Amino acid sequence: MKLDPPYNEHLISDVGGLGLALTAMLYFAAWALDSKVVLSALIGYLIYAATHFTFHIRHFDHFSFLEAVGVGTGLGLEVALALVFLYVGWRVHRAESAATTRTEAVTRRDVSDQEPV
């Protein structure tokens, strides 16, 4: 017995909601420009893009060669761009962390150099 009809409104609604949530996360990350927020949004997007790409490259049965190349290339570019942005975000995060560590070290040194009053 089949539990779900060929068109599953519940599944489509859930996937649409997840897509909207991911879009909201990416917009918020772009607005906030906090490296941890950006990295978490990009990791989520990379997971989505990679699984979407993987599904489609495994299901080219009814595609012409040109359609398969177009879909595979477009979805592959999404994965590649997500990886590039994730790498850049990670580098920015590391630079920010290093700068914070240096600033804290200088502040501690300046405080310890002061003579007691």
Protein backbone atom coordinates (compact mmCIF):
# COMPACT_ATOMS: atom_id res chain seq x y z
CA MET A 1 0.00 0.00 0.00
CA LYS A 2 1.33 3.38 -1.00
CA LEU A 3 1.11 5.95 1.80
CA ASP A 4 1.87 9.05 -0.26
CA PRO A 5 0.41 10.05 -3.61
CA PRO A 6 2.75 10.98 -6.52
CA TYR A 7 2.41 14.63 -5.53
CA ASN A 8 3.04 14.98 -1.83
CA GLU A 9 1.86 18.42 -0.70
CA HIS A 10 3.36 17.95 2.76
CA LEU A 11 6.82 17.15 1.37
CA ILE A 12 6.72 20.06 -1.09
CA SER A 13 5.59 22.44 1.66
CA ASP A 14 8.38 21.27 3.99
CA VAL A 15 11.05 21.59 1.30
CA GLY A 16 9.77 25.05 0.39
CA GLY A 17 9.94 26.08 4.05
CA LEU A 18 13.48 24.76 4.34
CA GLY A 19 14.47 26.71 1.23
CA LEU A 20 13.00 29.89 2.67
CA ALA A 21 14.75 29.28 6.00
CA LEU A 22 18.09 28.78 4.25
CA THR A 23 17.54 31.95 2.23
CA ALA A 24 16.74 33.90 5.40
CA MET A 25 19.92 32.56 7.06
CA LEU A 26 22.05 33.59 4.08
CA TYR A 27 20.49 37.08 3.96
CA PHE A 28 20.99 37.54 7.69
CA ALA A 29 24.61 36.38 7.42
CA ALA A 30 25.22 38.85 4.58
CA TRP A 31 23.68 41.65 6.66
CA ALA A 32 25.38 40.78 9.97
CA LEU A 33 28.80 40.01 8.46
CA ASP A 34 29.80 38.19 11.63
CA SER A 35 32.23 35.49 10.59
CA LYS A 36 30.65 32.78 12.77
CA VAL A 37 27.17 33.54 11.42
CA VAL A 38 28.50 33.64 7.84
CA LEU A 39 30.33 30.33 8.26
CA SER A 40 27.29 28.57 9.74
CA ALA A 41 25.02 29.81 6.94
CA LEU A 42 27.55 28.80 4.29
CA ILE A 43 27.99 25.34 5.79
CA GLY A 44 24.22 24.88 5.64
CA TYR A 45 24.12 26.09 2.05
CA LEU A 46 27.04 23.85 1.05
CA ILE A 47 25.25 20.80 2.48
CA TYR A 48 22.11 21.70 0.53
CA ALA A 49 24.00 22.42 -2.72
CA ALA A 50 26.11 19.26 -2.48
CA THR A 51 23.18 16.93 -1.82
CA HIS A 52 21.12 18.59 -4.59
CA PHE A 53 24.04 18.25 -7.03
CA THR A 54 24.64 14.62 -6.03
CA PHE A 55 20.99 13.70 -6.54
CA HIS A 56 20.82 15.25 -9.99
CA ILE A 57 24.08 13.81 -11.34
CA ARG A 58 22.81 10.36 -10.34
CA HIS A 59 19.46 10.84 -12.11
CA PHE A 60 20.18 11.92 -15.68
CA ASP A 61 18.17 9.02 -17.16
CA HIS A 62 15.64 11.15 -19.07
CA PHE A 63 17.95 14.07 -19.90
CA SER A 64 19.57 14.73 -23.23
CA PHE A 65 23.36 15.07 -23.17
CA LEU A 66 23.17 18.87 -23.34
CA GLU A 67 20.54 19.03 -20.59
CA ALA A 68 22.67 16.80 -18.36
CA VAL A 69 25.75 18.96 -18.99
CA GLY A 70 23.76 22.14 -18.28
CA VAL A 71 22.20 20.86 -15.07
CA GLY A 72 25.42 19.24 -13.86
CA THR A 73 27.48 22.34 -14.62
CA GLY A 74 25.01 24.77 -13.03
CA LEU A 75 24.60 22.75 -9.86
CA GLY A 76 28.33 22.01 -9.75
CA LEU A 77 29.04 25.75 -9.89
CA GLU A 78 26.77 26.25 -6.88
CA VAL A 79 28.86 23.75 -4.92
CA ALA A 80 32.12 25.32 -6.11
CA LEU A 81 30.97 28.83 -5.20
CA ALA A 82 29.80 27.66 -1.78
CA LEU A 83 33.24 26.11 -1.20
CA VAL A 84 35.02 29.29 -2.32
CA PHE A 85 32.86 31.50 -0.09
CA LEU A 86 33.29 29.08 2.81
CA TYR A 87 37.08 29.16 2.37
CA VAL A 88 37.12 32.97 2.24
CA GLY A 89 34.84 33.16 5.29
CA TRP A 90 37.08 30.73 7.17
CA ARG A 91 40.18 32.81 6.31
CA VAL A 92 38.44 35.99 7.49
CA HIS A 93 37.40 34.26 10.71
CA ARG A 94 40.97 33.09 11.34
CA ALA A 95 42.32 36.60 10.70
CA GLU A 96 39.74 38.11 13.06
CA SER A 97 40.56 35.54 15.73
CA ALA A 98 44.29 36.19 15.39
CA ALA A 99 43.76 39.97 15.59
CA THR A 100 41.60 39.56 18.71
CA THR A 101 44.25 37.37 20.33
CA ARG A 102 46.98 39.93 19.56
CA THR A 103 44.84 42.78 20.89
CA GLU A 104 44.11 40.87 24.10
CA ALA A 105 47.81 40.08 24.56
CA VAL A 106 48.79 43.74 24.12
CA THR A 107 46.04 44.84 26.52
CA ARG A 108 47.20 42.33 29.17
CA ARG A 109 50.80 43.45 28.72
CA ASP A 110 49.86 47.15 29.02
CA VAL A 111 47.83 46.48 32.15
CA SER A 112 50.64 44.47 33.76
CA ASP A 113 53.21 47.19 32.90
CA GLN A 114 51.32 49.83 34.86
CA GLU A 115 52.73 50.66 38.26
CA PRO A 116 50.44 50.04 41.22
CA VAL A 117 48.82 53.19 42.54
